[in-house]
Amino acid sequence: MTRTDYLAELAKYLRKLPKEDYLEAMEYYVEYFDEAGPEKEREVIEELGNPKDVANEIIATVLDKHLTIPEKTPKNTATIIGLTVLTLCAAPIALPMLLALVLFIIACVVAGLAIIAAIYIVGLAGIVMAVVTTFESLTLLAPSIKAQTVVFGGALISFGGGILIWIIATALLRFLGRATIAIIKWISSKKGTKV
């Protein structure tokens, strides 16, 4: 592959970029080849790699640049949507992998929330059982003080266990929230790296 072939193929993959971004990217790579000179053309091509991979990186960079622009004009929004679609079309292998990863994370979050909800329900059941058992122990006051004391002690244990379970569930919920945020930050920091 020659310099001309490489730049033509790169231009083909970048042609749907906004005009200024397209011209900026192509100008950069033309200058890159010019600085290297004709004798190092082969080395530059090997260093850069496949034009499609280079185009994917450029598109991701341009999309990131447009996402960080604070102004939200209709043209900017349309550019972002267009670049997002272009990025998705440029990555036929990465898209299913990304979708699978997102669905896996959602499934883990839902499963974690279901487990925590079940733990909260068990804690609530312990507290309700403690209240019911406490009132039940009052009916045993006349027949047997010992039986009433045992039942009341069981109610206190149930109440304490229910509160402890609520504390544990709250800690698990906070941990799950922090872990989810950490995973999302990790994934977003990996954006632009090769899969």
Protein backbone atom coordinates (compact mmCIF):
# COMPACT_ATOMS: atom_id res chain seq x y z
CA MET A 1 0.00 0.00 0.00
CA THR A 2 1.32 3.42 -0.93
CA ARG A 3 0.80 6.77 0.74
CA THR A 4 -1.82 7.70 -1.85
CA ASP A 5 -3.72 4.44 -1.33
CA TYR A 6 -3.56 4.82 2.44
CA LEU A 7 -4.82 8.42 2.40
CA ALA A 8 -7.56 7.56 -0.13
CA GLU A 9 -8.79 4.71 2.04
CA LEU A 10 -8.65 6.89 5.15
CA ALA A 11 -10.59 9.62 3.32
CA LYS A 12 -13.21 7.04 2.31
CA TYR A 13 -13.82 6.11 5.97
CA LEU A 14 -13.83 9.74 7.14
CA ARG A 15 -15.98 11.25 4.36
CA LYS A 16 -19.11 11.50 6.56
CA LEU A 17 -17.40 13.59 9.23
CA PRO A 18 -18.27 17.28 9.46
CA LYS A 19 -16.31 19.17 6.81
CA GLU A 20 -13.97 21.03 9.18
CA ASP A 21 -13.15 17.87 11.16
CA TYR A 22 -12.61 15.91 7.94
CA LEU A 23 -10.25 18.54 6.54
CA GLU A 24 -8.39 18.83 9.85
CA ALA A 25 -7.87 15.06 10.10
CA MET A 26 -6.79 14.66 6.48
CA GLU A 27 -4.45 17.65 6.72
CA TYR A 28 -2.85 16.15 9.81
CA TYR A 29 -2.14 12.80 8.13
CA VAL A 30 -0.91 14.41 4.89
CA GLU A 31 1.54 16.51 6.95
CA TYR A 32 2.52 13.40 8.88
CA PHE A 33 3.46 11.63 5.66
CA ASP A 34 5.20 14.77 4.33
CA GLU A 35 7.36 15.05 7.45
CA ALA A 36 8.36 11.40 7.24
CA GLY A 37 9.30 11.70 3.59
CA PRO A 38 8.96 9.19 0.74
CA GLU A 39 11.76 6.96 2.04
CA LYS A 40 9.92 6.31 5.34
CA GLU A 41 6.49 5.92 3.77
CA ARG A 42 6.35 2.17 4.43
CA GLU A 43 7.35 2.66 8.10
CA VAL A 44 4.67 5.32 8.63
CA ILE A 45 2.00 3.05 7.14
CA GLU A 46 3.06 0.19 9.42
CA GLU A 47 3.17 2.53 12.42
CA LEU A 48 -0.31 3.92 11.78
CA GLY A 49 -1.87 0.53 11.11
CA ASN A 50 -5.08 -0.20 9.28
CA PRO A 51 -6.79 2.94 7.86
CA LYS A 52 -10.14 1.72 9.16
CA ASP A 53 -8.79 1.52 12.73
CA VAL A 54 -7.28 4.98 12.40
CA ALA A 55 -10.62 6.28 11.08
CA ASN A 56 -12.47 4.72 14.03
CA GLU A 57 -10.12 6.45 16.46
CA ILE A 58 -10.55 9.78 14.66
CA ILE A 59 -14.34 9.44 14.68
CA ALA A 60 -14.35 8.60 18.40
CA THR A 61 -12.11 11.60 19.11
CA VAL A 62 -14.29 13.95 17.07
CA LEU A 63 -17.43 12.63 18.79
CA ASP A 64 -15.82 13.14 22.18
CA LYS A 65 -14.82 16.67 21.16
CA HIS A 66 -18.36 17.52 20.11
CA LEU A 67 -19.85 15.99 23.27
CA THR A 68 -17.71 18.22 25.48
CA ILE A 69 -18.73 21.45 23.72
CA PRO A 70 -21.00 23.24 26.23
CA GLU A 71 -23.23 25.01 23.72
CA LYS A 72 -26.18 22.98 22.47
CA THR A 73 -27.12 24.41 19.11
CA PRO A 74 -29.27 22.39 16.71
CA LYS A 75 -26.27 22.04 14.38
CA ASN A 76 -24.09 20.75 17.23
CA THR A 77 -26.80 18.30 18.34
CA ALA A 78 -27.22 17.05 14.77
CA THR A 79 -23.43 16.67 14.51
CA ILE A 80 -23.34 14.64 17.71
CA ILE A 81 -26.18 12.39 16.55
CA GLY A 82 -24.54 11.94 13.15
CA LEU A 83 -21.17 11.13 14.69
CA THR A 84 -22.79 8.69 17.10
CA VAL A 85 -24.47 6.85 14.22
CA LEU A 86 -21.22 6.93 12.25
CA THR A 87 -19.31 5.54 15.22
CA LEU A 88 -21.84 2.74 15.64
CA CYS A 89 -21.68 1.87 11.93
CA ALA A 90 -17.89 1.94 11.97
CA ALA A 91 -17.72 -0.61 14.74
CA PRO A 92 -19.73 -3.69 13.68
CA ILE A 93 -17.86 -5.94 16.10
CA ALA A 94 -17.59 -3.53 19.00
CA LEU A 95 -21.30 -2.70 19.05
CA PRO A 96 -22.55 -6.21 19.96
CA MET A 97 -19.77 -6.51 22.53
CA LEU A 98 -20.67 -3.13 24.01
CA LEU A 99 -24.35 -4.04 24.03
CA ALA A 100 -23.59 -7.34 25.76
CA LEU A 101 -21.46 -5.54 28.35
CA VAL A 102 -24.17 -2.96 29.03
CA LEU A 103 -26.84 -5.67 29.34
CA PHE A 104 -24.59 -7.66 31.67
CA ILE A 105 -24.08 -4.62 33.89
CA ILE A 106 -27.82 -3.91 33.92
CA ALA A 107 -28.53 -7.55 34.83
CA CYS A 108 -26.00 -7.41 37.66
CA VAL A 109 -27.53 -4.20 39.01
CA VAL A 110 -31.07 -5.63 38.82
CA ALA A 111 -29.97 -8.86 40.51
CA GLY A 112 -28.16 -6.90 43.22
CA LEU A 113 -31.21 -4.70 43.80
CA ALA A 114 -33.45 -7.78 43.98
CA ILE A 115 -31.19 -9.38 46.59
CA ILE A 116 -31.08 -6.17 48.61
CA ALA A 117 -34.88 -5.81 48.37
CA ALA A 118 -35.25 -9.38 49.65
CA ILE A 119 -32.92 -8.60 52.54
CA TYR A 120 -34.96 -5.49 53.40
CA ILE A 121 -38.15 -7.58 53.35
CA VAL A 122 -36.59 -10.15 55.71
CA GLY A 123 -35.54 -7.31 58.03
CA LEU A 124 -39.04 -5.82 57.91
CA ALA A 125 -40.53 -9.25 58.63
CA GLY A 126 -38.25 -9.55 61.68
CA ILE A 127 -39.40 -6.17 62.99
CA VAL A 128 -43.09 -6.97 62.37
CA MET A 129 -42.63 -10.35 64.05
CA ALA A 130 -41.04 -8.60 67.04
CA VAL A 131 -44.01 -6.24 67.40
CA VAL A 132 -46.56 -9.07 67.10
CA THR A 133 -44.61 -11.27 69.50
CA THR A 134 -44.36 -8.44 72.03
CA PHE A 135 -48.14 -8.03 72.09
CA GLU A 136 -48.51 -11.82 72.20
CA SER A 137 -46.20 -11.98 75.22
CA LEU A 138 -48.55 -9.65 77.11
CA THR A 139 -51.28 -12.32 76.92
CA LEU A 140 -48.93 -14.76 78.64
CA LEU A 141 -48.41 -12.46 81.63
CA ALA A 142 -51.11 -14.08 83.77
CA PRO A 143 -50.38 -17.81 83.15
CA SER A 144 -46.58 -17.70 83.35
CA ILE A 145 -44.04 -14.97 83.93
CA LYS A 146 -41.27 -17.24 82.62
CA ALA A 147 -43.07 -17.89 79.32
CA GLN A 148 -43.80 -14.19 78.96
CA THR A 149 -40.13 -13.34 79.57
CA VAL A 150 -38.93 -15.90 77.00
CA VAL A 151 -41.38 -14.67 74.36
CA PHE A 152 -40.52 -11.02 75.09
CA GLY A 153 -36.78 -11.86 74.84
CA GLY A 154 -37.42 -13.56 71.50
CA ALA A 155 -39.24 -10.44 70.34
CA LEU A 156 -36.26 -8.28 71.31
CA ILE A 157 -33.89 -10.63 69.47
CA SER A 158 -36.16 -10.53 66.41
CA PHE A 159 -36.32 -6.73 66.56
CA GLY A 160 -32.53 -6.43 66.90
CA GLY A 161 -31.99 -8.92 64.08
CA GLY A 162 -34.41 -7.01 61.84
CA ILE A 163 -32.60 -3.73 62.51
CA LEU A 164 -29.22 -5.40 61.90
CA ILE A 165 -30.46 -6.82 58.60
CA TRP A 166 -31.67 -3.33 57.57
CA ILE A 167 -28.24 -1.88 58.37
CA ILE A 168 -26.51 -4.61 56.33
CA ALA A 169 -28.91 -4.11 53.42
CA THR A 170 -28.29 -0.36 53.45
CA ALA A 171 -24.53 -0.94 53.42
CA LEU A 172 -24.92 -3.38 50.50
CA LEU A 173 -27.04 -0.86 48.62
CA ARG A 174 -24.41 1.84 49.05
CA PHE A 175 -21.67 -0.60 47.98
CA LEU A 176 -23.66 -1.60 44.88
CA GLY A 177 -24.19 2.06 43.97
CA ARG A 178 -20.50 2.89 44.34
CA ALA A 179 -19.48 -0.26 42.43
CA THR A 180 -21.85 0.61 39.59
CA ILE A 181 -20.47 4.14 39.36
CA ALA A 182 -16.90 2.80 39.43
CA ILE A 183 -17.65 0.32 36.63
CA ILE A 184 -19.27 3.03 34.50
CA LYS A 185 -16.28 5.34 35.04
CA TRP A 186 -13.89 2.50 34.16
CA ILE A 187 -15.79 1.71 30.97
CA SER A 188 -15.93 5.36 29.95
CA SER A 189 -12.19 5.72 30.57
CA LYS A 190 -11.57 2.78 28.22
CA LYS A 191 -13.47 4.52 25.40
CA GLY A 192 -11.21 4.81 22.40
CA THR A 193 -9.03 1.81 23.23
CA LYS A 194 -9.06 -1.19 20.94
CA VAL A 195 -11.32 -4.08 21.96
